[in-house]
PDB file of N, CA and C in Angstrom:
ATOM      1  N   MET A   1     -19.589  46.271  86.035  1.00  0.00           N
ATOM      2  CA  MET A   1     -20.000  44.879  86.108  1.00  0.00           C
ATOM      3  C   MET A   1     -19.645  44.337  87.474  1.00  0.00           C
ATOM      4  N   ARG A   2     -20.461  43.466  87.901  1.00  0.00           N
ATOM      5  CA  ARG A   2     -20.287  42.786  89.201  1.00  0.00           C
ATOM      6  C   ARG A   2     -19.173  41.733  89.092  1.00  0.00           C
ATOM      7  N   PRO A   3     -18.508  41.473  90.154  1.00  0.00           N
ATOM      8  CA  PRO A   3     -17.356  40.457  90.085  1.00  0.00           C
ATOM      9  C   PRO A   3     -17.816  39.078  89.666  1.00  0.00           C
ATOM     10  N   LEU A   4     -19.023  38.653  90.018  1.00  0.00           N
ATOM     11  CA  LEU A   4     -19.501  37.367  89.573  1.00  0.00           C
ATOM     12  C   LEU A   4     -19.717  37.349  88.095  1.00  0.00           C
ATOM     13  N   THR A   5     -20.195  38.420  87.512  1.00  0.00           N
ATOM     14  CA  THR A   5     -20.427  38.494  86.065  1.00  0.00           C
ATOM     15  C   THR A   5     -19.086  38.461  85.322  1.00  0.00           C
ATOM     16  N   VAL A   6     -18.132  39.174  85.848  1.00  0.00           N
ATOM     17  CA  VAL A   6     -16.775  39.125  85.257  1.00  0.00           C
ATOM     18  C   VAL A   6     -16.210  37.695  85.295  1.00  0.00           C
ATOM     19  N   PHE A   7     -16.342  37.039  86.415  1.00  0.00           N
ATOM     20  CA  PHE A   7     -15.865  35.703  86.598  1.00  0.00           C
ATOM     21  C   PHE A   7     -16.518  34.762  85.569  1.00  0.00           C
ATOM     22  N   GLY A   8     -17.840  34.899  85.347  1.00  0.00           N
ATOM     23  CA  GLY A   8     -18.497  34.124  84.368  1.00  0.00           C
ATOM     24  C   GLY A   8     -18.027  34.444  82.938  1.00  0.00           C
ATOM     25  N   LEU A   9     -17.865  35.654  82.660  1.00  0.00           N
ATOM     26  CA  LEU A   9     -17.399  36.086  81.326  1.00  0.00           C
ATOM     27  C   LEU A   9     -15.980  35.500  81.041  1.00  0.00           C
ATOM     28  N   VAL A  10     -15.149  35.570  82.040  1.00  0.00           N
ATOM     29  CA  VAL A  10     -13.794  35.013  81.871  1.00  0.00           C
ATOM     30  C   VAL A  10     -13.826  33.524  81.665  1.00  0.00           C
ATOM     31  N   ALA A  11     -14.710  32.816  82.474  1.00  0.00           N
ATOM     32  CA  ALA A  11     -14.769  31.325  82.344  1.00  0.00           C
ATOM     33  C   ALA A  11     -15.290  30.955  80.979  1.00  0.00           C
ATOM     34  N   VAL A  12     -16.301  31.547  80.539  1.00  0.00           N
ATOM     35  CA  VAL A  12     -16.880  31.219  79.196  1.00  0.00           C
ATOM     36  C   VAL A  12     -15.957  31.605  78.059  1.00  0.00           C
ATOM     37  N   THR A  13     -15.204  32.703  78.184  1.00  0.00           N
ATOM     38  CA  THR A  13     -14.251  33.081  77.224  1.00  0.00           C
ATOM     39  C   THR A  13     -13.147  32.116  77.110  1.00  0.00           C
ATOM     40  N   LEU A  14     -12.613  31.647  78.303  1.00  0.00           N
ATOM     41  CA  LEU A  14     -11.567  30.601  78.284  1.00  0.00           C
ATOM     42  C   LEU A  14     -12.050  29.287  77.681  1.00  0.00           C
ATOM     43  N   MET A  15     -13.304  28.992  77.972  1.00  0.00           N
ATOM     44  CA  MET A  15     -13.870  27.787  77.314  1.00  0.00           C
ATOM     45  C   MET A  15     -13.833  27.866  75.828  1.00  0.00           C
ATOM     46  N   LEU A  16     -14.314  28.989  75.366  1.00  0.00           N
ATOM     47  CA  LEU A  16     -14.327  29.178  73.860  1.00  0.00           C
ATOM     48  C   LEU A  16     -12.899  29.138  73.250  1.00  0.00           C
ATOM     49  N   VAL A  17     -11.952  29.772  73.830  1.00  0.00           N
ATOM     50  CA  VAL A  17     -10.592  29.833  73.272  1.00  0.00           C
ATOM     51  C   VAL A  17     -10.005  28.450  73.370  1.00  0.00           C
ATOM     52  N   CYS A  18     -10.153  27.804  74.511  1.00  0.00           N
ATOM     53  CA  CYS A  18      -9.528  26.453  74.619  1.00  0.00           C
ATOM     54  C   CYS A  18     -10.180  25.433  73.690  1.00  0.00           C
ATOM     55  N   TYR A  19     -11.473  25.516  73.550  1.00  0.00           N
ATOM     56  CA  TYR A  19     -12.106  24.613  72.600  1.00  0.00           C
ATOM     57  C   TYR A  19     -11.632  24.839  71.152  1.00  0.00           C
ATOM     58  N   ALA A  20     -11.451  26.074  70.820  1.00  0.00           N
ATOM     59  CA  ALA A  20     -10.990  26.389  69.456  1.00  0.00           C
ATOM     60  C   ALA A  20      -9.569  25.887  69.206  1.00  0.00           C
ATOM     61  N   LEU A  21      -8.763  25.831  70.252  1.00  0.00           N
ATOM     62  CA  LEU A  21      -7.385  25.409  70.115  1.00  0.00           C
ATOM     63  C   LEU A  21      -7.062  23.940  70.460  1.00  0.00           C
ATOM     64  N   GLU A  22      -8.133  23.198  70.804  1.00  0.00           N
ATOM     65  CA  GLU A  22      -7.958  21.793  71.226  1.00  0.00           C
ATOM     66  C   GLU A  22      -7.123  20.964  70.322  1.00  0.00           C
ATOM     67  N   GLU A  23      -7.272  21.169  69.009  1.00  0.00           N
ATOM     68  CA  GLU A  23      -6.576  20.304  68.047  1.00  0.00           C
ATOM     69  C   GLU A  23      -5.087  20.636  67.913  1.00  0.00           C
ATOM     70  N   ARG A  24      -4.675  21.734  68.434  1.00  0.00           N
ATOM     71  CA  ARG A  24      -3.203  22.111  68.367  1.00  0.00           C
ATOM     72  C   ARG A  24      -2.384  21.355  69.371  1.00  0.00           C
ATOM     73  N   ARG A  25      -2.907  21.255  70.611  1.00  0.00           N
ATOM     74  CA  ARG A  25      -2.120  20.596  71.699  1.00  0.00           C
ATOM     75  C   ARG A  25      -3.167  19.948  72.654  1.00  0.00           C
ATOM     76  N   MET A  26      -2.692  18.822  73.191  1.00  0.00           N
ATOM     77  CA  MET A  26      -3.535  18.157  74.211  1.00  0.00           C
ATOM     78  C   MET A  26      -3.793  18.983  75.436  1.00  0.00           C
ATOM     79  N   ALA A  27      -2.905  19.858  75.744  1.00  0.00           N
ATOM     80  CA  ALA A  27      -3.052  20.718  76.922  1.00  0.00           C
ATOM     81  C   ALA A  27      -4.251  21.584  76.861  1.00  0.00           C
ATOM     82  N   PHE A  28      -4.670  21.990  75.653  1.00  0.00           N
ATOM     83  CA  PHE A  28      -5.863  22.804  75.499  1.00  0.00           C
ATOM     84  C   PHE A  28      -7.089  22.018  75.849  1.00  0.00           C
ATOM     85  N   THR A  29      -7.088  20.718  75.634  1.00  0.00           N
ATOM     86  CA  THR A  29      -8.257  19.917  76.063  1.00  0.00           C
ATOM     87  C   THR A  29      -8.380  19.921  77.559  1.00  0.00           C
ATOM     88  N   LEU A  30      -7.225  19.775  78.257  1.00  0.00           N
ATOM     89  CA  LEU A  30      -7.257  19.814  79.697  1.00  0.00           C
ATOM     90  C   LEU A  30      -7.593  21.216  80.181  1.00  0.00           C
ATOM     91  N   ALA A  31      -7.128  22.206  79.552  1.00  0.00           N
ATOM     92  CA  ALA A  31      -7.512  23.604  79.910  1.00  0.00           C
ATOM     93  C   ALA A  31      -8.965  23.861  79.674  1.00  0.00           C
ATOM     94  N   PHE A  32      -9.535  23.234  78.622  1.00  0.00           N
ATOM     95  CA  PHE A  32     -10.965  23.372  78.331  1.00  0.00           C
ATOM     96  C   PHE A  32     -11.785  22.759  79.544  1.00  0.00           C
ATOM     97  N   ALA A  33     -11.315  21.634  80.005  1.00  0.00           N
ATOM     98  CA  ALA A  33     -11.902  21.000  81.168  1.00  0.00           C
ATOM     99  C   ALA A  33     -11.874  21.856  82.378  1.00  0.00           C
ATOM    100  N   ALA A  34     -10.717  22.519  82.634  1.00  0.00           N
ATOM    101  CA  ALA A  34     -10.617  23.420  83.758  1.00  0.00           C
ATOM    102  C   ALA A  34     -11.531  24.616  83.629  1.00  0.00           C
ATOM    103  N   ALA A  35     -11.637  25.135  82.378  1.00  0.00           N
ATOM    104  CA  ALA A  35     -12.560  26.231  82.096  1.00  0.00           C
ATOM    105  C   ALA A  35     -14.000  25.863  82.355  1.00  0.00           C
ATOM    106  N   CYS A  36     -14.330  24.572  81.968  1.00  0.00           N
ATOM    107  CA  CYS A  36     -15.669  24.093  82.215  1.00  0.00           C
ATOM    108  C   CYS A  36     -15.987  24.035  83.715  1.00  0.00           C
ATOM    109  N   VAL A  37     -14.972  23.643  84.507  1.00  0.00           N
ATOM    110  CA  VAL A  37     -15.129  23.595  85.966  1.00  0.00           C
ATOM    111  C   VAL A  37     -15.433  25.025  86.461  1.00  0.00           C
ATOM    112  N   LEU A  38     -14.694  26.022  85.937  1.00  0.00           N
ATOM    113  CA  LEU A  38     -14.938  27.417  86.323  1.00  0.00           C
ATOM    114  C   LEU A  38     -16.324  27.844  85.934  1.00  0.00           C
ATOM    115  N   GLY A  39     -16.762  27.436  84.734  1.00  0.00           N
ATOM    116  CA  GLY A  39     -18.121  27.712  84.267  1.00  0.00           C
ATOM    117  C   GLY A  39     -19.164  27.124  85.175  1.00  0.00           C
ATOM    118  N   SER A  40     -18.847  25.895  85.579  1.00  0.00           N
ATOM    119  CA  SER A  40     -19.772  25.189  86.524  1.00  0.00           C
ATOM    120  C   SER A  40     -19.876  25.897  87.831  1.00  0.00           C
ATOM    121  N   ILE A  41     -18.746  26.366  88.363  1.00  0.00           N
ATOM    122  CA  ILE A  41     -18.759  27.095  89.642  1.00  0.00           C
ATOM    123  C   ILE A  41     -19.558  28.397  89.478  1.00  0.00           C
ATOM    124  N   TYR A  42     -19.368  29.070  88.360  1.00  0.00           N
ATOM    125  CA  TYR A  42     -20.109  30.263  88.075  1.00  0.00           C
ATOM    126  C   TYR A  42     -21.657  30.009  88.061  1.00  0.00           C
ATOM    127  N   GLY A  43     -21.992  28.910  87.346  1.00  0.00           N
ATOM    128  CA  GLY A  43     -23.437  28.546  87.302  1.00  0.00           C
ATOM    129  C   GLY A  43     -24.055  28.342  88.607  1.00  0.00           C
ATOM    130  N   PHE A  44     -23.346  27.567  89.502  1.00  0.00           N
ATOM    131  CA  PHE A  44     -23.877  27.274  90.781  1.00  0.00           C
ATOM    132  C   PHE A  44     -23.901  28.553  91.684  1.00  0.00           C
ATOM    133  N   LEU A  45     -22.849  29.406  91.585  1.00  0.00           N
ATOM    134  CA  LEU A  45     -22.849  30.650  92.402  1.00  0.00           C
ATOM    135  C   LEU A  45     -23.961  31.619  91.932  1.00  0.00           C
ATOM    136  N   GLN A  46     -24.236  31.575  90.663  1.00  0.00           N
ATOM    137  CA  GLN A  46     -25.254  32.481  90.097  1.00  0.00           C
ATOM    138  C   GLN A  46     -26.702  32.012  90.468  1.00  0.00           C
ATOM    139  N   GLY A  47     -26.789  30.673  90.771  1.00  0.00           N
ATOM    140  CA  GLY A  47     -28.077  30.156  91.126  1.00  0.00           C
ATOM    141  C   GLY A  47     -28.696  29.410  89.909  1.00  0.00           C
ATOM    142  N   ALA A  48     -27.922  29.273  88.818  1.00  0.00           N
ATOM    143  CA  ALA A  48     -28.399  28.559  87.618  1.00  0.00           C
ATOM    144  C   ALA A  48     -27.841  27.141  87.683  1.00  0.00           C
ATOM    145  N   TRP A  49     -28.398  26.347  88.592  1.00  0.00           N
ATOM    146  CA  TRP A  49     -27.833  25.004  88.759  1.00  0.00           C
ATOM    147  C   TRP A  49     -27.892  24.149  87.597  1.00  0.00           C
ATOM    148  N   PRO A  50     -28.860  24.211  86.678  1.00  0.00           N
ATOM    149  CA  PRO A  50     -28.769  23.393  85.430  1.00  0.00           C
ATOM    150  C   PRO A  50     -27.509  23.707  84.627  1.00  0.00           C
ATOM    151  N   PHE A  51     -27.172  25.021  84.506  1.00  0.00           N
ATOM    152  CA  PHE A  51     -25.971  25.418  83.802  1.00  0.00           C
ATOM    153  C   PHE A  51     -24.726  24.867  84.499  1.00  0.00           C
ATOM    154  N   GLY A  52     -24.678  24.940  85.836  1.00  0.00           N
ATOM    155  CA  GLY A  52     -23.593  24.435  86.575  1.00  0.00           C
ATOM    156  C   GLY A  52     -23.409  22.927  86.461  1.00  0.00           C
ATOM    157  N   LEU A  53     -24.549  22.214  86.406  1.00  0.00           N
ATOM    158  CA  LEU A  53     -24.485  20.769  86.264  1.00  0.00           C
ATOM    159  C   LEU A  53     -24.012  20.353  84.828  1.00  0.00           C
ATOM    160  N   VAL A  54     -24.521  21.033  83.860  1.00  0.00           N
ATOM    161  CA  VAL A  54     -24.099  20.691  82.460  1.00  0.00           C
ATOM    162  C   VAL A  54     -22.583  20.970  82.317  1.00  0.00           C
ATOM    163  N   GLU A  55     -22.138  22.061  82.811  1.00  0.00           N
ATOM    164  CA  GLU A  55     -20.708  22.432  82.706  1.00  0.00           C
ATOM    165  C   GLU A  55     -19.863  21.434  83.444  1.00  0.00           C
ATOM    166  N   ALA A  56     -20.330  20.928  84.574  1.00  0.00           N
ATOM    167  CA  ALA A  56     -19.541  19.858  85.292  1.00  0.00           C
ATOM    168  C   ALA A  56     -19.477  18.583  84.416  1.00  0.00           C
ATOM    169  N   ILE A  57     -20.578  18.209  83.771  1.00  0.00           N
ATOM    170  CA  ILE A  57     -20.551  17.073  82.858  1.00  0.00           C
ATOM    171  C   ILE A  57     -19.553  17.364  81.707  1.00  0.00           C
ATOM    172  N   TRP A  58     -19.616  18.541  81.092  1.00  0.00           N
ATOM    173  CA  TRP A  58     -18.679  18.857  80.058  1.00  0.00           C
ATOM    174  C   TRP A  58     -17.244  18.734  80.473  1.00  0.00           C
ATOM    175  N   ALA A  59     -16.969  19.126  81.744  1.00  0.00           N
ATOM    176  CA  ALA A  59     -15.626  19.016  82.270  1.00  0.00           C
ATOM    177  C   ALA A  59     -15.181  17.546  82.332  1.00  0.00           C
ATOM    178  N   ALA A  60     -16.074  16.689  82.817  1.00  0.00           N
ATOM    179  CA  ALA A  60     -15.742  15.237  82.858  1.00  0.00           C
ATOM    180  C   ALA A  60     -15.556  14.700  81.430  1.00  0.00           C
ATOM    181  N   VAL A  61     -16.364  15.107  80.477  1.00  0.00           N
ATOM    182  CA  VAL A  61     -16.246  14.609  79.117  1.00  0.00           C
ATOM    183  C   VAL A  61     -14.843  15.093  78.525  1.00  0.00           C
ATOM    184  N   ALA A  62     -14.477  16.281  78.869  1.00  0.00           N
ATOM    185  CA  ALA A  62     -13.229  16.880  78.346  1.00  0.00           C
ATOM    186  C   ALA A  62     -11.998  16.109  78.993  1.00  0.00           C
ATOM    187  N   VAL A  63     -12.102  15.856  80.312  1.00  0.00           N
ATOM    188  CA  VAL A  63     -10.975  15.118  80.931  1.00  0.00           C
ATOM    189  C   VAL A  63     -10.901  13.747  80.326  1.00  0.00           C
ATOM    190  N   ARG A  64     -12.023  13.109  80.122  1.00  0.00           N
ATOM    191  CA  ARG A  64     -11.944  11.733  79.420  1.00  0.00           C
ATOM    192  C   ARG A  64     -11.353  11.857  78.109  1.00  0.00           C
ATOM    193  N   ARG A  65     -11.757  12.822  77.292  1.00  0.00           N
ATOM    194  CA  ARG A  65     -11.220  13.037  75.938  1.00  0.00           C
ATOM    195  C   ARG A  65      -9.688  13.273  75.984  1.00  0.00           C
ATOM    196  N   TRP A  66      -9.234  14.014  76.950  1.00  0.00           N
ATOM    197  CA  TRP A  66      -7.786  14.312  77.153  1.00  0.00           C
ATOM    198  C   TRP A  66      -7.132  12.998  77.505  1.00  0.00           C
ATOM    199  N   TRP A  67      -7.652  12.215  78.397  1.00  0.00           N
ATOM    200  CA  TRP A  67      -7.037  10.946  78.843  1.00  0.00           C
ATOM    201  C   TRP A  67      -6.910  10.037  77.651  1.00  0.00           C
ATOM    202  N   VAL A  68      -7.940   9.883  76.833  1.00  0.00           N
ATOM    203  CA  VAL A  68      -7.894   9.012  75.732  1.00  0.00           C
ATOM    204  C   VAL A  68      -6.810   9.463  74.744  1.00  0.00           C
ATOM    205  N   ARG A  69      -6.677  10.762  74.535  1.00  0.00           N
ATOM    206  CA  ARG A  69      -5.633  11.223  73.627  1.00  0.00           C
ATOM    207  C   ARG A  69      -4.249  10.926  74.244  1.00  0.00           C
ATOM    208  N   VAL A  70      -4.055  11.109  75.544  1.00  0.00           N
ATOM    209  CA  VAL A  70      -2.767  10.789  76.154  1.00  0.00           C
ATOM    210  C   VAL A  70      -2.466   9.321  75.972  1.00  0.00           C
ATOM    211  N   ARG A  71      -3.414   8.484  76.244  1.00  0.00           N
ATOM    212  CA  ARG A  71      -3.147   7.036  76.094  1.00  0.00           C
ATOM    213  C   ARG A  71      -2.823   6.642  74.657  1.00  0.00           C
ATOM    214  N   ALA A  72      -3.451   7.282  73.720  1.00  0.00           N
ATOM    215  CA  ALA A  72      -3.223   6.989  72.295  1.00  0.00           C
ATOM    216  C   ALA A  72      -1.773   7.393  71.881  1.00  0.00           C
ATOM    217  N   THR A  73      -1.299   8.425  72.476  1.00  0.00           N
ATOM    218  CA  THR A  73       0.041   8.877  72.129  1.00  0.00           C
ATOM    219  C   THR A  73       1.144   8.029  72.769  1.00  0.00           C
ATOM    220  N   ARG A  74       0.822   7.312  73.832  1.00  0.00           N
ATOM    221  CA  ARG A  74       1.791   6.485  74.514  1.00  0.00           C
ATOM    222  C   ARG A  74       1.988   5.159  73.755  1.00  0.00           C
ATOM    223  N   THR A  75       1.029   4.714  72.989  1.00  0.00           N
ATOM    224  CA  THR A  75       1.159   3.463  72.309  1.00  0.00           C
ATOM    225  C   THR A  75       1.751   3.585  70.915  1.00  0.00           C
TER     226      THR A  75
END
């Protein structure tokens, strides 16, 4: 496998694992956002810019979801 393919596989696998574990700890929501950023980078490097763009949006959604959960626990 080419290094770029391995990078993409790792990014998507991390996304799946973190998404599955999001309800256990808030840190997994933030880790999911980071994995989405990696997926976005992979998409742009591969030349699949729509995939890269959607993953960047998912990263922003995940960061917002994490922030809302953090604020809810503070009150």
